[in-house]
Each structure stands twice: as C-alpha cells, then as structure tokens.
Amino acid sequence: MSNVLDWSQCAAVESVPGKVSGAWVFKGTRLPVSTVVENLEDLSVEEVMEEFDVTRDQINAVLDFVARSLKTPSPATTCDEFARS
C-alpha cells in the first residue's frame, strides 16, 4: 500500500511550473519541502530553521499535514487546518 500525499491541500507549500522544476516548496521560497524533511532525520528543528531559513510554523504545518494525512487521509483536509489544531 502506498501513501501519496496531496500537497495541493497544504497551504504552506506550492508547486510552480518552472520554479525548482515544479517541486513542492515552502510558499514564497525555492526551498523544497523534501529537503527539510530529509534533514530532520539528522538535524533538530532549530538546526533546520537556522540552516534553511524556515520558521518553526512552516515546519510544524508541513509535519502536522504529513502526520495527519498518514493517519486519516481526507481530501477535504488542508494544511492550514492542521496548523490550527
């Protein structure tokens, strides 16, 4: 079974054709979400914030979206809803 996240439901990120090859990036940046997630394996949230110039809110919004999507996928749920809960 494969879990595929619908990043279009996460308001903290965007995918723009021609911008970082259309990868999902933090909104208003060129930083791919995958870069932050991969680095969280070895770095603390604080280290990632410093290294990649992202905020705790941006990281939390994405991590909450991922966690909740994997638990109870729902096409009607958005990243903003996760950040508020």
Protein backbone atom coordinates (compact mmCIF):
# COMPACT_ATOMS: atom_id res chain seq x y z
CA MET A 1 0.00 0.00 0.00
CA SER A 2 1.39 3.39 -0.98
CA ASN A 3 0.59 6.62 0.85
CA VAL A 4 0.61 9.56 -1.53
CA LEU A 5 0.20 12.99 -0.01
CA ASP A 6 -1.88 15.55 -1.85
CA TRP A 7 0.40 18.53 -1.24
CA SER A 8 -2.08 20.77 -3.07
CA GLN A 9 -4.14 20.57 0.14
CA CYS A 10 -1.33 22.11 2.21
CA ALA A 11 -1.47 25.92 2.15
CA ALA A 12 2.11 26.18 3.48
CA VAL A 13 3.57 24.87 0.22
CA GLU A 14 3.29 25.48 -3.51
CA SER A 15 4.36 23.93 -6.77
CA VAL A 16 5.03 26.36 -9.61
CA PRO A 17 5.97 25.07 -13.07
CA GLY A 18 9.49 26.26 -13.88
CA LYS A 19 10.30 27.01 -10.22
CA VAL A 20 12.62 24.34 -8.82
CA SER A 21 11.37 22.03 -11.58
CA GLY A 22 7.84 22.15 -10.17
CA ALA A 23 8.87 20.57 -6.84
CA TRP A 24 6.74 21.27 -3.78
CA VAL A 25 8.43 24.16 -1.99
CA PHE A 26 7.62 26.27 1.05
CA LYS A 27 5.35 29.04 -0.19
CA GLY A 28 7.29 32.12 -1.29
CA THR A 29 10.63 30.27 -1.31
CA ARG A 30 12.67 27.99 -3.53
CA LEU A 31 13.21 25.52 -0.66
CA PRO A 32 11.83 22.06 -1.43
CA VAL A 33 9.76 20.51 1.34
CA SER A 34 11.67 17.27 0.79
CA THR A 35 14.96 18.99 1.71
CA VAL A 36 13.64 19.95 5.14
CA VAL A 37 12.02 16.58 5.79
CA GLU A 38 15.18 14.71 4.80
CA ASN A 39 17.37 16.91 7.00
CA LEU A 40 15.11 16.44 10.02
CA GLU A 41 16.44 12.88 10.12
CA ASP A 42 19.83 14.21 11.26
CA LEU A 43 19.20 17.76 12.50
CA SER A 44 16.97 19.28 15.15
CA VAL A 45 14.13 21.60 14.17
CA GLU A 46 16.23 24.53 15.42
CA GLU A 47 19.19 23.47 13.26
CA VAL A 48 16.96 23.10 10.20
CA MET A 49 15.45 26.54 10.87
CA GLU A 50 18.92 28.08 11.01
CA GLU A 51 20.37 26.14 8.08
CA PHE A 52 17.48 26.66 5.65
CA ASP A 53 15.87 29.91 6.85
CA VAL A 54 12.43 28.45 7.52
CA THR A 55 10.21 29.14 10.50
CA ARG A 56 9.01 26.74 13.15
CA ASP A 57 5.45 27.43 11.95
CA GLN A 58 6.35 26.39 8.39
CA ILE A 59 7.99 23.19 9.60
CA ASN A 60 5.16 22.40 12.00
CA ALA A 61 2.50 22.98 9.34
CA VAL A 62 4.17 20.53 6.97
CA LEU A 63 4.93 17.90 9.62
CA ASP A 64 1.40 18.09 11.01
CA PHE A 65 0.00 17.75 7.49
CA VAL A 66 2.14 14.67 6.84
CA ALA A 67 1.33 13.04 10.17
CA ARG A 68 -2.40 13.59 9.94
CA SER A 69 -2.55 12.63 6.27
CA LEU A 70 -0.92 9.31 7.04
CA LYS A 71 -3.31 8.65 9.93
CA THR A 72 -6.59 9.65 8.35
CA PRO A 73 -6.26 10.76 4.73
CA SER A 74 -9.02 13.14 3.78
CA PRO A 75 -9.14 15.13 0.55
CA ALA A 76 -11.09 17.88 2.32
CA THR A 77 -8.42 18.48 4.97
CA THR A 78 -5.94 21.28 4.42
CA CYS A 79 -2.54 22.09 5.86
CA ASP A 80 -3.95 25.24 7.49
CA GLU A 81 -6.43 23.14 9.44
CA PHE A 82 -3.56 21.04 10.80
CA ALA A 83 -1.57 24.08 11.87
CA ARG A 84 -4.54 25.45 13.83
CA SER A 85 -5.28 22.24 15.72
